[in-house]
Amino acid sequence: MSEAMLTNQSEHQSEELNFTAFTDLCRFCSLKNGPKLHLFDKEAEQRQIIFKIRSLLPVVITKEDFLPKKICELCVNRLELLFEWRANCVQTDVSYHPCG
């Protein structure tokens, strides 16, 4: 194999590794390490992760985009706390206006 072909092949492998590393990042904080939840798996669906993200954040997430599809535990916890806090604020506000 020629040196040019070897160089091209190693560059391609390096790009694949970089893309794999990129897709393993947390979509929201870019955390590399630690357990993460895939945004479109069954557990995320049961926990309504995408619904909560779309309700709270001005971001667009689709299965087809080329951005990371994982969320770290810390961001999941923050998301769920924010969603709960928002719901409590709305409920409190409604209680202040009983006549509509």
Foldseek 3Di string as FASTA:
>chain_A
DDPVVVVVVVVVVVVVVVLVQQQCAAQPPRDRDDDKDFCPDPVNVVVVVVVLCVVPDPDDDDPPDSGHRIHHPVVVVVSVVVSVVVVVVVVVVCVVPVPD
